[in-house]
C-alpha atoms as a PDB file:
ATOM      1  CA  MET A   1       3.611  72.193 -27.437  1.00  0.00           C
ATOM      2  CA  LYS A   2       2.306  73.179 -24.026  1.00  0.00           C
ATOM      3  CA  TYR A   3       4.445  73.988 -21.010  1.00  0.00           C
ATOM      4  CA  ARG A   4       3.798  73.335 -17.350  1.00  0.00           C
ATOM      5  CA  THR A   5       5.426  74.571 -14.144  1.00  0.00           C
ATOM      6  CA  LEU A   6       7.564  71.878 -12.544  1.00  0.00           C
ATOM      7  CA  GLY A   7       6.327  71.389  -9.000  1.00  0.00           C
ATOM      8  CA  ARG A   8       7.021  74.150  -6.524  1.00  0.00           C
ATOM      9  CA  SER A   9       9.530  75.907  -8.770  1.00  0.00           C
ATOM     10  CA  GLY A  10       9.536  78.557 -11.459  1.00  0.00           C
ATOM     11  CA  LEU A  11      10.794  76.164 -14.134  1.00  0.00           C
ATOM     12  CA  LYS A  12       8.641  75.576 -17.212  1.00  0.00           C
ATOM     13  CA  VAL A  13       8.882  72.156 -18.839  1.00  0.00           C
ATOM     14  CA  SER A  14       7.236  70.870 -21.980  1.00  0.00           C
ATOM     15  CA  ALA A  15       4.294  68.528 -21.453  1.00  0.00           C
ATOM     16  CA  LEU A  16       6.420  65.878 -23.154  1.00  0.00           C
ATOM     17  CA  SER A  17      10.100  65.261 -22.489  1.00  0.00           C
ATOM     18  CA  MET A  18      12.407  63.251 -24.727  1.00  0.00           C
ATOM     19  CA  GLY A  19      13.718  59.998 -23.296  1.00  0.00           C
ATOM     20  CA  THR A  20      17.106  58.736 -24.488  1.00  0.00           C
ATOM     21  CA  PHE A  21      16.897  55.176 -23.185  1.00  0.00           C
ATOM     22  CA  SER A  22      17.501  53.975 -26.746  1.00  0.00           C
ATOM     23  CA  PHE A  23      20.770  55.871 -27.257  1.00  0.00           C
ATOM     24  CA  GLY A  24      23.887  53.718 -27.238  1.00  0.00           C
ATOM     25  CA  GLY A  25      22.537  50.178 -27.232  1.00  0.00           C
ATOM     26  CA  VAL A  26      25.153  48.834 -24.806  1.00  0.00           C
ATOM     27  CA  GLY A  27      24.348  45.545 -23.059  1.00  0.00           C
ATOM     28  CA  ALA A  28      20.715  44.916 -22.178  1.00  0.00           C
ATOM     29  CA  PHE A  29      19.742  48.337 -23.570  1.00  0.00           C
ATOM     30  CA  ALA A  30      20.161  46.890 -27.063  1.00  0.00           C
ATOM     31  CA  MET A  31      16.786  45.172 -26.515  1.00  0.00           C
ATOM     32  CA  VAL A  32      15.216  48.637 -26.826  1.00  0.00           C
ATOM     33  CA  ALA A  33      17.283  50.097 -29.666  1.00  0.00           C
ATOM     34  CA  ASN A  34      20.823  50.937 -30.677  1.00  0.00           C
ATOM     35  CA  HIS A  35      20.733  54.559 -31.748  1.00  0.00           C
ATOM     36  CA  GLY A  36      24.085  56.059 -32.628  1.00  0.00           C
ATOM     37  CA  VAL A  37      24.833  59.736 -33.169  1.00  0.00           C
ATOM     38  CA  PRO A  38      23.216  60.121 -36.648  1.00  0.00           C
ATOM     39  CA  GLU A  39      19.943  58.464 -35.585  1.00  0.00           C
ATOM     40  CA  ALA A  40      19.904  60.294 -32.264  1.00  0.00           C
ATOM     41  CA  ARG A  41      20.462  63.623 -34.007  1.00  0.00           C
ATOM     42  CA  ARG A  42      17.424  63.090 -36.246  1.00  0.00           C
ATOM     43  CA  LEU A  43      15.245  62.168 -33.269  1.00  0.00           C
ATOM     44  CA  VAL A  44      16.457  65.131 -31.197  1.00  0.00           C
ATOM     45  CA  ASP A  45      15.822  67.472 -34.142  1.00  0.00           C
ATOM     46  CA  THR A  46      12.258  66.152 -34.389  1.00  0.00           C
ATOM     47  CA  CYS A  47      11.651  66.748 -30.686  1.00  0.00           C
ATOM     48  CA  LEU A  48      13.150  70.240 -30.648  1.00  0.00           C
ATOM     49  CA  ASP A  49      11.135  71.164 -33.742  1.00  0.00           C
ATOM     50  CA  GLY A  50       8.027  69.934 -31.891  1.00  0.00           C
ATOM     51  CA  GLY A  51       8.684  72.224 -28.928  1.00  0.00           C
ATOM     52  CA  ILE A  52      10.067  69.691 -26.455  1.00  0.00           C
ATOM     53  CA  ASN A  53      12.473  71.467 -24.093  1.00  0.00           C
ATOM     54  CA  VAL A  54      13.586  68.602 -21.797  1.00  0.00           C
ATOM     55  CA  ILE A  55      15.954  65.780 -22.758  1.00  0.00           C
ATOM     56  CA  ASP A  56      16.143  63.024 -20.149  1.00  0.00           C
ATOM     57  CA  THR A  57      19.043  60.623 -19.697  1.00  0.00           C
ATOM     58  CA  ALA A  58      20.945  58.821 -16.919  1.00  0.00           C
ATOM     59  CA  ASN A  59      24.494  57.848 -16.102  1.00  0.00           C
ATOM     60  CA  MET A  60      23.652  54.146 -16.347  1.00  0.00           C
ATOM     61  CA  TYR A  61      21.878  54.206 -19.714  1.00  0.00           C
ATOM     62  CA  SER A  62      24.196  52.126 -21.883  1.00  0.00           C
ATOM     63  CA  LEU A  63      26.885  52.659 -19.232  1.00  0.00           C
ATOM     64  CA  GLY A  64      27.187  56.361 -19.982  1.00  0.00           C
ATOM     65  CA  ARG A  65      27.011  56.119 -23.766  1.00  0.00           C
ATOM     66  CA  SER A  66      23.552  57.727 -23.814  1.00  0.00           C
ATOM     67  CA  GLU A  67      24.929  60.813 -22.061  1.00  0.00           C
ATOM     68  CA  GLU A  68      27.847  60.942 -24.477  1.00  0.00           C
ATOM     69  CA  ILE A  69      25.515  60.892 -27.463  1.00  0.00           C
ATOM     70  CA  VAL A  70      23.258  63.563 -25.933  1.00  0.00           C
ATOM     71  CA  GLY A  71      26.302  65.754 -25.343  1.00  0.00           C
ATOM     72  CA  GLU A  72      27.527  65.376 -28.917  1.00  0.00           C
ATOM     73  CA  VAL A  73      24.110  65.934 -30.490  1.00  0.00           C
ATOM     74  CA  LEU A  74      23.476  69.080 -28.419  1.00  0.00           C
ATOM     75  CA  GLU A  75      26.863  70.612 -29.176  1.00  0.00           C
ATOM     76  CA  GLY A  76      26.270  74.253 -30.112  1.00  0.00           C
ATOM     77  CA  ARG A  77      22.614  74.308 -29.027  1.00  0.00           C
ATOM     78  CA  ARG A  78      22.774  73.351 -25.371  1.00  0.00           C
ATOM     79  CA  GLU A  79      21.000  76.568 -24.384  1.00  0.00           C
ATOM     80  CA  ARG A  80      17.832  75.461 -26.206  1.00  0.00           C
ATOM     81  CA  VAL A  81      17.008  72.627 -23.825  1.00  0.00           C
ATOM     82  CA  LEU A  82      16.928  71.458 -20.241  1.00  0.00           C
ATOM     83  CA  ILE A  83      18.893  68.298 -19.505  1.00  0.00           C
ATOM     84  CA  SER A  84      17.859  65.885 -16.786  1.00  0.00           C
ATOM     85  CA  SER A  85      20.098  63.041 -15.687  1.00  0.00           C
ATOM     86  CA  LYS A  86      20.300  60.590 -12.814  1.00  0.00           C
ATOM     87  CA  ALA A  87      22.604  58.735 -10.455  1.00  0.00           C
ATOM     88  CA  ARG A  88      22.230  55.923  -7.920  1.00  0.00           C
ATOM     89  CA  MET A  89      22.267  52.681  -9.903  1.00  0.00           C
ATOM     90  CA  ARG A  90      25.316  50.420  -9.978  1.00  0.00           C
ATOM     91  CA  ILE A  91      27.774  51.476 -12.673  1.00  0.00           C
ATOM     92  CA  GLY A  92      30.800  49.341 -11.715  1.00  0.00           C
ATOM     93  CA  ASP A  93      32.040  46.491  -9.541  1.00  0.00           C
ATOM     94  CA  GLY A  94      33.393  48.536  -6.640  1.00  0.00           C
ATOM     95  CA  PRO A  95      31.715  48.900  -3.230  1.00  0.00           C
ATOM     96  CA  ASN A  96      31.056  52.613  -3.863  1.00  0.00           C
ATOM     97  CA  ASP A  97      29.859  52.236  -7.457  1.00  0.00           C
ATOM     98  CA  GLU A  98      26.212  52.565  -6.451  1.00  0.00           C
ATOM     99  CA  GLY A  99      24.049  54.442  -3.975  1.00  0.00           C
ATOM    100  CA  VAL A 100      23.621  58.092  -2.998  1.00  0.00           C
ATOM    101  CA  SER A 101      26.599  58.608  -0.739  1.00  0.00           C
ATOM    102  CA  ARG A 102      28.361  61.975  -0.964  1.00  0.00           C
ATOM    103  CA  TYR A 103      31.278  60.199  -2.614  1.00  0.00           C
ATOM    104  CA  HIS A 104      29.170  58.518  -5.280  1.00  0.00           C
ATOM    105  CA  LEU A 105      26.877  61.434  -6.123  1.00  0.00           C
ATOM    106  CA  ILE A 106      29.627  64.042  -6.532  1.00  0.00           C
ATOM    107  CA  ARG A 107      31.796  61.696  -8.564  1.00  0.00           C
ATOM    108  CA  GLU A 108      28.957  60.602 -10.837  1.00  0.00           C
ATOM    109  CA  CYS A 109      27.662  64.140 -11.371  1.00  0.00           C
ATOM    110  CA  GLU A 110      31.131  65.279 -12.466  1.00  0.00           C
ATOM    111  CA  ARG A 111      31.470  62.281 -14.802  1.00  0.00           C
ATOM    112  CA  SER A 112      28.027  63.021 -16.294  1.00  0.00           C
ATOM    113  CA  LEU A 113      28.962  66.659 -16.897  1.00  0.00           C
ATOM    114  CA  LYS A 114      32.001  65.569 -18.917  1.00  0.00           C
ATOM    115  CA  ARG A 115      29.991  63.095 -20.983  1.00  0.00           C
ATOM    116  CA  LEU A 116      27.241  65.663 -21.584  1.00  0.00           C
ATOM    117  CA  ARG A 117      29.781  68.368 -22.539  1.00  0.00           C
ATOM    118  CA  THR A 118      28.080  70.890 -20.296  1.00  0.00           C
ATOM    119  CA  ASP A 119      28.835  72.780 -17.105  1.00  0.00           C
ATOM    120  CA  HIS A 120      25.499  72.033 -15.439  1.00  0.00           C
ATOM    121  CA  ILE A 121      22.609  69.557 -15.310  1.00  0.00           C
ATOM    122  CA  ASP A 122      19.219  71.240 -15.044  1.00  0.00           C
ATOM    123  CA  ILE A 123      17.367  68.478 -13.180  1.00  0.00           C
ATOM    124  CA  TYR A 124      19.340  65.857 -11.273  1.00  0.00           C
ATOM    125  CA  PHE A 125      17.421  62.782 -10.136  1.00  0.00           C
ATOM    126  CA  LEU A 126      18.154  60.194  -7.500  1.00  0.00           C
ATOM    127  CA  HIS A 127      17.362  57.237  -9.713  1.00  0.00           C
ATOM    128  CA  GLU A 128      16.235  54.861  -6.951  1.00  0.00           C
ATOM    129  CA  TRP A 129      15.889  54.690  -3.168  1.00  0.00           C
ATOM    130  CA  ASP A 130      18.991  53.961  -1.077  1.00  0.00           C
ATOM    131  CA  GLY A 131      18.021  52.916   2.445  1.00  0.00           C
ATOM    132  CA  LEU A 132      21.624  52.705   3.669  1.00  0.00           C
ATOM    133  CA  THR A 133      22.765  56.281   3.066  1.00  0.00           C
ATOM    134  CA  PRO A 134      21.433  58.890   5.519  1.00  0.00           C
ATOM    135  CA  LEU A 135      19.174  61.352   3.736  1.00  0.00           C
ATOM    136  CA  ASP A 136      20.964  64.348   5.211  1.00  0.00           C
ATOM    137  CA  GLU A 137      24.225  63.083   3.657  1.00  0.00           C
ATOM    138  CA  MET A 138      22.526  62.719   0.275  1.00  0.00           C
ATOM    139  CA  LEU A 139      20.847  66.128   0.441  1.00  0.00           C
ATOM    140  CA  SER A 140      23.999  67.889   1.653  1.00  0.00           C
ATOM    141  CA  ALA A 141      25.930  66.432  -1.295  1.00  0.00           C
ATOM    142  CA  LEU A 142      23.253  67.744  -3.659  1.00  0.00           C
ATOM    143  CA  ASP A 143      23.405  71.091  -1.863  1.00  0.00           C
ATOM    144  CA  ALA A 144      27.153  71.252  -2.503  1.00  0.00           C
ATOM    145  CA  LEU A 145      26.629  70.492  -6.193  1.00  0.00           C
ATOM    146  CA  MET A 146      23.950  73.186  -6.412  1.00  0.00           C
ATOM    147  CA  ARG A 147      26.171  75.752  -4.725  1.00  0.00           C
ATOM    148  CA  GLN A 148      28.917  74.926  -7.218  1.00  0.00           C
ATOM    149  CA  GLY A 149      26.469  75.521 -10.082  1.00  0.00           C
ATOM    150  CA  LYS A 150      26.707  71.942 -11.341  1.00  0.00           C
ATOM    151  CA  ILE A 151      23.016  71.158 -10.874  1.00  0.00           C
ATOM    152  CA  ARG A 152      19.990  73.460 -10.790  1.00  0.00           C
ATOM    153  CA  TYR A 153      17.060  71.385  -9.457  1.00  0.00           C
ATOM    154  CA  ILE A 154      16.778  67.992  -7.786  1.00  0.00           C
ATOM    155  CA  GLY A 155      14.243  65.200  -7.952  1.00  0.00           C
ATOM    156  CA  CYS A 156      13.714  61.599  -6.904  1.00  0.00           C
ATOM    157  CA  SER A 157      12.656  58.590  -8.924  1.00  0.00           C
ATOM    158  CA  ASN A 158      11.013  55.315  -7.940  1.00  0.00           C
ATOM    159  CA  TYR A 159      10.590  56.351  -4.287  1.00  0.00           C
ATOM    160  CA  SER A 160       7.657  55.218  -2.197  1.00  0.00           C
ATOM    161  CA  GLY A 161       5.427  57.767  -0.505  1.00  0.00           C
ATOM    162  CA  TRP A 162       7.138  57.616   2.877  1.00  0.00           C
ATOM    163  CA  HIS A 163      10.555  57.920   1.228  1.00  0.00           C
ATOM    164  CA  VAL A 164       9.506  61.155  -0.471  1.00  0.00           C
ATOM    165  CA  MET A 165       7.963  62.629   2.667  1.00  0.00           C
ATOM    166  CA  LYS A 166      10.950  61.694   4.835  1.00  0.00           C
ATOM    167  CA  ALA A 167      13.291  63.445   2.386  1.00  0.00           C
ATOM    168  CA  LEU A 168      11.065  66.533   2.253  1.00  0.00           C
ATOM    169  CA  GLY A 169      10.896  66.642   6.048  1.00  0.00           C
ATOM    170  CA  ILE A 170      14.677  66.451   6.477  1.00  0.00           C
ATOM    171  CA  ALA A 171      15.170  69.087   3.772  1.00  0.00           C
ATOM    172  CA  GLU A 172      12.847  71.479   5.592  1.00  0.00           C
ATOM    173  CA  ALA A 173      14.273  70.774   9.050  1.00  0.00           C
ATOM    174  CA  LYS A 174      17.898  71.223   7.996  1.00  0.00           C
ATOM    175  CA  GLY A 175      17.584  73.896   5.321  1.00  0.00           C
ATOM    176  CA  LEU A 176      18.711  71.547   2.546  1.00  0.00           C
ATOM    177  CA  PRO A 177      17.499  71.401  -1.084  1.00  0.00           C
ATOM    178  CA  ARG A 178      13.993  70.148  -1.645  1.00  0.00           C
ATOM    179  CA  PHE A 179      12.781  67.842  -4.406  1.00  0.00           C
ATOM    180  CA  VAL A 180      10.821  69.800  -7.012  1.00  0.00           C
ATOM    181  CA  THR A 181       9.927  66.686  -9.013  1.00  0.00           C
ATOM    182  CA  GLN A 182       9.602  62.936  -8.907  1.00  0.00           C
ATOM    183  CA  GLN A 183       9.993  60.723 -11.970  1.00  0.00           C
ATOM    184  CA  ILE A 184       7.667  57.737 -11.643  1.00  0.00           C
ATOM    185  CA  HIS A 185       5.984  55.021 -13.661  1.00  0.00           C
ATOM    186  CA  TYR A 186       2.308  55.856 -14.102  1.00  0.00           C
ATOM    187  CA  THR A 187      -0.042  54.697 -16.857  1.00  0.00           C
ATOM    188  CA  LEU A 188      -3.588  53.528 -17.425  1.00  0.00           C
ATOM    189  CA  GLU A 189      -2.280  50.013 -16.774  1.00  0.00           C
ATOM    190  CA  ALA A 190      -0.212  50.963 -13.701  1.00  0.00           C
ATOM    191  CA  ARG A 191      -2.122  53.399 -11.473  1.00  0.00           C
ATOM    192  CA  GLU A 192      -0.609  52.456  -8.116  1.00  0.00           C
ATOM    193  CA  ALA A 193       0.990  55.910  -7.879  1.00  0.00           C
ATOM    194  CA  GLU A 194      -2.476  57.323  -7.174  1.00  0.00           C
ATOM    195  CA  TYR A 195      -2.474  55.854  -3.657  1.00  0.00           C
ATOM    196  CA  GLU A 196       0.333  58.085  -2.356  1.00  0.00           C
ATOM    197  CA  LEU A 197       2.648  59.599  -4.982  1.00  0.00           C
ATOM    198  CA  LEU A 198       0.088  61.720  -6.854  1.00  0.00           C
ATOM    199  CA  PRO A 199      -1.468  63.062  -3.632  1.00  0.00           C
ATOM    200  CA  ILE A 200       2.054  63.988  -2.466  1.00  0.00           C
ATOM    201  CA  ALA A 201       2.678  65.707  -5.803  1.00  0.00           C
ATOM    202  CA  VAL A 202      -0.411  67.875  -5.411  1.00  0.00           C
ATOM    203  CA  ASP A 203      -0.079  68.535  -1.693  1.00  0.00           C
ATOM    204  CA  GLN A 204       3.676  69.075  -1.495  1.00  0.00           C
ATOM    205  CA  GLY A 205       4.337  70.617  -4.911  1.00  0.00           C
ATOM    206  CA  VAL A 206       6.549  67.801  -6.196  1.00  0.00           C
ATOM    207  CA  GLY A 207       5.756  67.823  -9.906  1.00  0.00           C
ATOM    208  CA  VAL A 208       5.432  64.446 -11.616  1.00  0.00           C
ATOM    209  CA  MET A 209       7.465  63.410 -14.622  1.00  0.00           C
ATOM    210  CA  VAL A 210       6.331  60.015 -15.920  1.00  0.00           C
ATOM    211  CA  TRP A 211       8.679  57.426 -17.358  1.00  0.00           C
ATOM    212  CA  SER A 212       7.415  54.899 -19.907  1.00  0.00           C
ATOM    213  CA  PRO A 213       3.932  56.484 -20.142  1.00  0.00           C
ATOM    214  CA  LEU A 214       2.938  53.943 -22.816  1.00  0.00           C
ATOM    215  CA  ALA A 215       4.044  50.962 -20.686  1.00  0.00           C
ATOM    216  CA  ALA A 216       6.972  50.158 -22.980  1.00  0.00           C
ATOM    217  CA  GLY A 217       4.637  50.334 -25.984  1.00  0.00           C
ATOM    218  CA  LEU A 218       1.918  48.062 -24.620  1.00  0.00           C
ATOM    219  CA  LEU A 219      -0.567  50.978 -24.673  1.00  0.00           C
ATOM    220  CA  SER A 220       0.508  52.230 -28.092  1.00  0.00           C
ATOM    221  CA  GLY A 221      -1.998  50.233 -30.129  1.00  0.00           C
ATOM    222  CA  ARG A 222       0.697  47.966 -31.556  1.00  0.00           C
ATOM    223  CA  PHE A 223      -0.086  45.193 -29.053  1.00  0.00           C
ATOM    224  CA  GLY A 224      -3.227  43.151 -28.462  1.00  0.00           C
ATOM    225  CA  ARG A 225      -4.452  39.742 -27.365  1.00  0.00           C
ATOM    226  CA  ASP A 226      -3.305  38.232 -30.657  1.00  0.00           C
ATOM    227  CA  LYS A 227      -0.864  40.941 -31.684  1.00  0.00           C
ATOM    228  CA  PHE A 228       2.694  40.848 -30.362  1.00  0.00           C
ATOM    229  CA  PRO A 229       5.253  42.520 -32.664  1.00  0.00           C
ATOM    230  CA  ALA A 230       8.350  40.420 -33.289  1.00  0.00           C
ATOM    231  CA  ASP A 231      10.529  43.536 -33.307  1.00  0.00           C
ATOM    232  CA  SER A 232       9.388  44.725 -29.862  1.00  0.00           C
ATOM    233  CA  ARG A 233      11.560  44.830 -26.760  1.00  0.00           C
ATOM    234  CA  GLN A 234       9.158  42.398 -25.081  1.00  0.00           C
ATOM    235  CA  ALA A 235       9.820  39.849 -27.822  1.00  0.00           C
ATOM    236  CA  ALA A 236      13.532  40.299 -27.112  1.00  0.00           C
ATOM    237  CA  GLY A 237      13.001  39.460 -23.443  1.00  0.00           C
ATOM    238  CA  TRP A 238      12.418  42.868 -21.825  1.00  0.00           C
ATOM    239  CA  SER A 239      10.187  42.425 -18.765  1.00  0.00           C
ATOM    240  CA  GLU A 240       9.559  45.992 -17.521  1.00  0.00           C
ATOM    241  CA  PRO A 241       6.931  47.023 -16.572  1.00  0.00           C
ATOM    242  CA  PRO A 242       5.555  43.769 -15.134  1.00  0.00           C
ATOM    243  CA  ILE A 243       2.012  42.928 -16.213  1.00  0.00           C
ATOM    244  CA  ARG A 244       0.199  41.035 -13.473  1.00  0.00           C
ATOM    245  CA  ASP A 245      -3.195  40.794 -15.166  1.00  0.00           C
ATOM    246  CA  SER A 246      -2.961  40.437 -18.944  1.00  0.00           C
ATOM    247  CA  GLU A 247      -6.724  40.328 -19.474  1.00  0.00           C
ATOM    248  CA  ARG A 248      -7.113  43.648 -17.634  1.00  0.00           C
ATOM    249  CA  LEU A 249      -4.405  45.139 -19.879  1.00  0.00           C
ATOM    250  CA  TRP A 250      -6.248  44.048 -23.016  1.00  0.00           C
ATOM    251  CA  ARG A 251      -9.556  45.415 -21.701  1.00  0.00           C
ATOM    252  CA  ILE A 252      -7.827  48.785 -21.293  1.00  0.00           C
ATOM    253  CA  VAL A 253      -6.362  48.505 -24.779  1.00  0.00           C
ATOM    254  CA  ASP A 254      -9.828  47.691 -26.171  1.00  0.00           C
ATOM    255  CA  VAL A 255     -11.214  50.958 -24.761  1.00  0.00           C
ATOM    256  CA  LEU A 256      -8.187  52.912 -25.981  1.00  0.00           C
ATOM    257  CA  ASN A 257      -8.610  51.508 -29.481  1.00  0.00           C
ATOM    258  CA  ASP A 258     -12.341  52.207 -29.455  1.00  0.00           C
ATOM    259  CA  ILE A 259     -11.930  55.861 -28.430  1.00  0.00           C
ATOM    260  CA  ALA A 260      -8.996  56.332 -30.803  1.00  0.00           C
ATOM    261  CA  GLY A 261     -10.932  54.835 -33.712  1.00  0.00           C
ATOM    262  CA  ALA A 262     -13.910  57.103 -33.103  1.00  0.00           C
ATOM    263  CA  ARG A 263     -11.633  60.147 -33.046  1.00  0.00           C
ATOM    264  CA  GLY A 264      -9.404  59.096 -35.940  1.00  0.00           C
ATOM    265  CA  VAL A 265      -6.244  59.190 -33.835  1.00  0.00           C
ATOM    266  CA  THR A 266      -3.945  56.550 -32.350  1.00  0.00           C
ATOM    267  CA  ALA A 267      -4.335  54.601 -29.131  1.00  0.00           C
ATOM    268  CA  ALA A 268      -0.961  56.013 -28.024  1.00  0.00           C
ATOM    269  CA  GLN A 269      -2.313  59.552 -28.358  1.00  0.00           C
ATOM    270  CA  ILE A 270      -5.383  58.749 -26.263  1.00  0.00           C
ATOM    271  CA  SER A 271      -3.229  57.119 -23.585  1.00  0.00           C
ATOM    272  CA  ILE A 272      -0.932  60.150 -23.449  1.00  0.00           C
ATOM    273  CA  ALA A 273      -3.887  62.541 -23.338  1.00  0.00           C
ATOM    274  CA  TRP A 274      -5.358  60.635 -20.380  1.00  0.00           C
ATOM    275  CA  THR A 275      -2.107  60.724 -18.411  1.00  0.00           C
ATOM    276  CA  LEU A 276      -1.633  64.441 -19.080  1.00  0.00           C
ATOM    277  CA  SER A 277      -5.128  65.039 -17.663  1.00  0.00           C
ATOM    278  CA  ARG A 278      -4.227  63.589 -14.277  1.00  0.00           C
ATOM    279  CA  PRO A 279      -3.464  65.648 -11.130  1.00  0.00           C
ATOM    280  CA  GLY A 280       0.114  66.737 -10.498  1.00  0.00           C
ATOM    281  CA  ILE A 281       1.472  65.743 -13.899  1.00  0.00           C
ATOM    282  CA  ALA A 282       4.162  68.044 -15.302  1.00  0.00           C
ATOM    283  CA  SER A 283       5.706  66.071 -18.173  1.00  0.00           C
ATOM    284  CA  LEU A 284       5.721  62.620 -19.761  1.00  0.00           C
ATOM    285  CA  VAL A 285       9.103  61.224 -20.778  1.00  0.00           C
ATOM    286  CA  VAL A 286       8.447  59.607 -24.152  1.00  0.00           C
ATOM    287  CA  GLY A 287      10.781  57.494 -26.210  1.00  0.00           C
ATOM    288  CA  GLY A 288      10.697  56.216 -29.735  1.00  0.00           C
ATOM    289  CA  THR A 289      12.701  54.343 -32.314  1.00  0.00           C
ATOM    290  CA  GLU A 290      11.498  56.454 -35.261  1.00  0.00           C
ATOM    291  CA  GLU A 291      10.762  60.116 -35.897  1.00  0.00           C
ATOM    292  CA  SER A 292       7.108  59.252 -36.561  1.00  0.00           C
ATOM    293  CA  HIS A 293       6.749  57.920 -33.006  1.00  0.00           C
ATOM    294  CA  PHE A 294       7.754  61.278 -31.544  1.00  0.00           C
ATOM    295  CA  ARG A 295       5.551  63.243 -33.969  1.00  0.00           C
ATOM    296  CA  ASP A 296       2.584  61.066 -33.021  1.00  0.00           C
ATOM    297  CA  ASN A 297       3.232  61.603 -29.316  1.00  0.00           C
ATOM    298  CA  ILE A 298       3.692  65.354 -29.720  1.00  0.00           C
ATOM    299  CA  ALA A 299       0.326  65.607 -31.480  1.00  0.00           C
ATOM    300  CA  ALA A 300      -1.344  64.036 -28.423  1.00  0.00           C
ATOM    301  CA  VAL A 301      -0.668  67.158 -26.352  1.00  0.00           C
ATOM    302  CA  ASP A 302      -3.499  68.966 -28.168  1.00  0.00           C
ATOM    303  CA  ILE A 303      -6.091  66.251 -27.486  1.00  0.00           C
ATOM    304  CA  THR A 304      -8.641  67.004 -24.757  1.00  0.00           C
ATOM    305  CA  LEU A 305     -10.704  64.001 -23.748  1.00  0.00           C
ATOM    306  CA  THR A 306     -14.389  64.393 -22.994  1.00  0.00           C
ATOM    307  CA  ALA A 307     -15.846  63.642 -19.579  1.00  0.00           C
ATOM    308  CA  GLU A 308     -17.440  60.499 -21.015  1.00  0.00           C
ATOM    309  CA  GLU A 309     -14.134  59.293 -22.495  1.00  0.00           C
ATOM    310  CA  LEU A 310     -12.310  59.966 -19.237  1.00  0.00           C
ATOM    311  CA  GLU A 311     -14.945  58.046 -17.300  1.00  0.00           C
ATOM    312  CA  ARG A 312     -14.710  55.029 -19.627  1.00  0.00           C
ATOM    313  CA  LEU A 313     -10.929  54.936 -19.217  1.00  0.00           C
ATOM    314  CA  ASN A 314     -11.192  55.403 -15.461  1.00  0.00           C
ATOM    315  CA  LEU A 315     -13.685  52.591 -14.962  1.00  0.00           C
ATOM    316  CA  VAL A 316     -11.747  50.061 -17.012  1.00  0.00           C
ATOM    317  CA  SER A 317      -8.437  50.808 -15.323  1.00  0.00           C
ATOM    318  CA  ARG A 318      -8.860  52.122 -11.776  1.00  0.00           C
ATOM    319  CA  PRO A 319      -7.145  50.099  -9.056  1.00  0.00           C
ATOM    320  CA  PRO A 320      -8.848  48.542  -6.016  1.00  0.00           C
ATOM    321  CA  TYR A 321     -10.076  50.953  -3.360  1.00  0.00           C
ATOM    322  CA  LEU A 322      -7.690  49.848  -0.620  1.00  0.00           C
ATOM    323  CA  TYR A 323      -7.882  50.570   3.112  1.00  0.00           C
ATOM    324  CA  PRO A 324      -7.742  53.224   4.541  1.00  0.00           C
ATOM    325  CA  TYR A 325      -9.007  54.923   1.402  1.00  0.00           C
ATOM    326  CA  TRP A 326     -12.451  53.271   1.229  1.00  0.00           C
ATOM    327  CA  HIS A 327     -12.934  54.189   4.876  1.00  0.00           C
ATOM    328  CA  GLN A 328     -11.971  57.794   4.134  1.00  0.00           C
ATOM    329  CA  HIS A 329     -14.419  57.742   1.209  1.00  0.00           C
ATOM    330  CA  ASN A 330     -17.218  56.812   3.604  1.00  0.00           C
ATOM    331  CA  PHE A 331     -16.438  59.214   6.444  1.00  0.00           C
ATOM    332  CA  ALA A 332     -14.008  61.977   5.419  1.00  0.00           C
ATOM    333  CA  ARG A 333     -15.110  63.203   1.973  1.00  0.00           C
ATOM    334  CA  ASP A 334     -16.469  66.481   3.282  1.00  0.00           C
ATOM    335  CA  ARG A 335     -12.987  67.404   4.538  1.00  0.00           C
ATOM    336  CA  PHE A 336     -10.778  66.263   1.639  1.00  0.00           C
ATOM    337  CA  SER A 337      -7.942  68.477   0.394  1.00  0.00           C
ATOM    338  CA  ASP A 338      -6.834  68.761  -3.228  1.00  0.00           C
ATOM    339  CA  GLY A 339      -4.197  66.149  -2.429  1.00  0.00           C
ATOM    340  CA  ASP A 340      -6.863  63.729  -1.208  1.00  0.00           C
ATOM    341  CA  TRP A 341      -8.921  64.248  -4.341  1.00  0.00           C
ATOM    342  CA  ALA A 342      -5.920  63.249  -6.492  1.00  0.00           C
ATOM    343  CA  LEU A 343      -6.807  59.717  -5.425  1.00  0.00           C
ATOM    344  CA  HIS A 344     -10.442  59.843  -4.386  1.00  0.00           C
ATOM    345  CA  GLY A 345     -11.664  61.707  -7.455  1.00  0.00           C
ATOM    346  CA  SER A 346     -11.492  58.443  -9.387  1.00  0.00           C
ATOM    347  CA  TYR A 347     -14.111  56.855  -7.083  1.00  0.00           C
ATOM    348  CA  GLU A 348     -16.685  59.638  -6.878  1.00  0.00           C
ATOM    349  CA  ASP A 349     -19.320  57.479  -8.571  1.00  0.00           C
ATOM    350  CA  LEU A 350     -19.342  55.027  -5.662  1.00  0.00           C
ATOM    351  CA  GLY A 351     -21.803  55.302  -2.856  1.00  0.00           C
ATOM    352  CA  HIS A 352     -21.201  54.153   0.707  1.00  0.00           C
ATOM    353  CA  ILE A 353     -18.875  51.145   0.591  1.00  0.00           C
END
């Protein structure tokens, strides 16, 4: 396993983190899996043996059951790993059972601590944007939790670029805690984060953790134009992430399979290796229903793609060169920062547009 510094912090995280989306199987989460304590213990053992040092969960995964299982499985070895959890999503029917108000965040953090059987959460994420709660209220609540020792670092998830920058600006202006990480969806199929979120990661030191780096298995090699596993979550009705251009997806999969076949590895490993090569990436949160899935993913950390392989994957998957970026490509390239290149580096082969 390899370890990377998480954003503008001193914290080292493994290049892969373990996702626990499959723990519990309550409600709609049963479409993914229904791992109880025995199954979860085997999967956690596999990840710890492979050097993974981050276990990621959330208060709303199976309505808290995922956190409960993580807490039970880590009993007696909590000090070996970092735990990340989240709050923001609706977890009840009351008017304050969602959002990032001071009331909701402090209550949900304390509930998560009890379920996780720990006195602190290492990385606490705001799971989604809340446009109704003032950011200084949210950040001051997180500050209080940090001062009490209940959380160590904070991050955001599923924010847009201006949301992240507004929060960073308020944190700096008011001396409040600053995001060290953002957990986002980013894959060969879904590269929209390159427009703003990856440049922010590089420029502002907000390390990227990626959720669903294999696009819910679609980039694993198990799926194809005429190959749709009956036991997959998609077959059960799961619709995330949305695929807007199926033919583009299969063209990407074709290249993944071709490179993987030539190397004698899996398409999932090539996809993971590509994502780990991208600017600002700290860790990929990987899931799995079997121990072999995690072992396969862990092996991908040691794969270094060639320049030719990277270029093939870039060309088949890069998103449109939107305005103002094509204009910047034409007239501002000689004054780009590292943050700019996090986007524009994928279009270096283009001449004047």
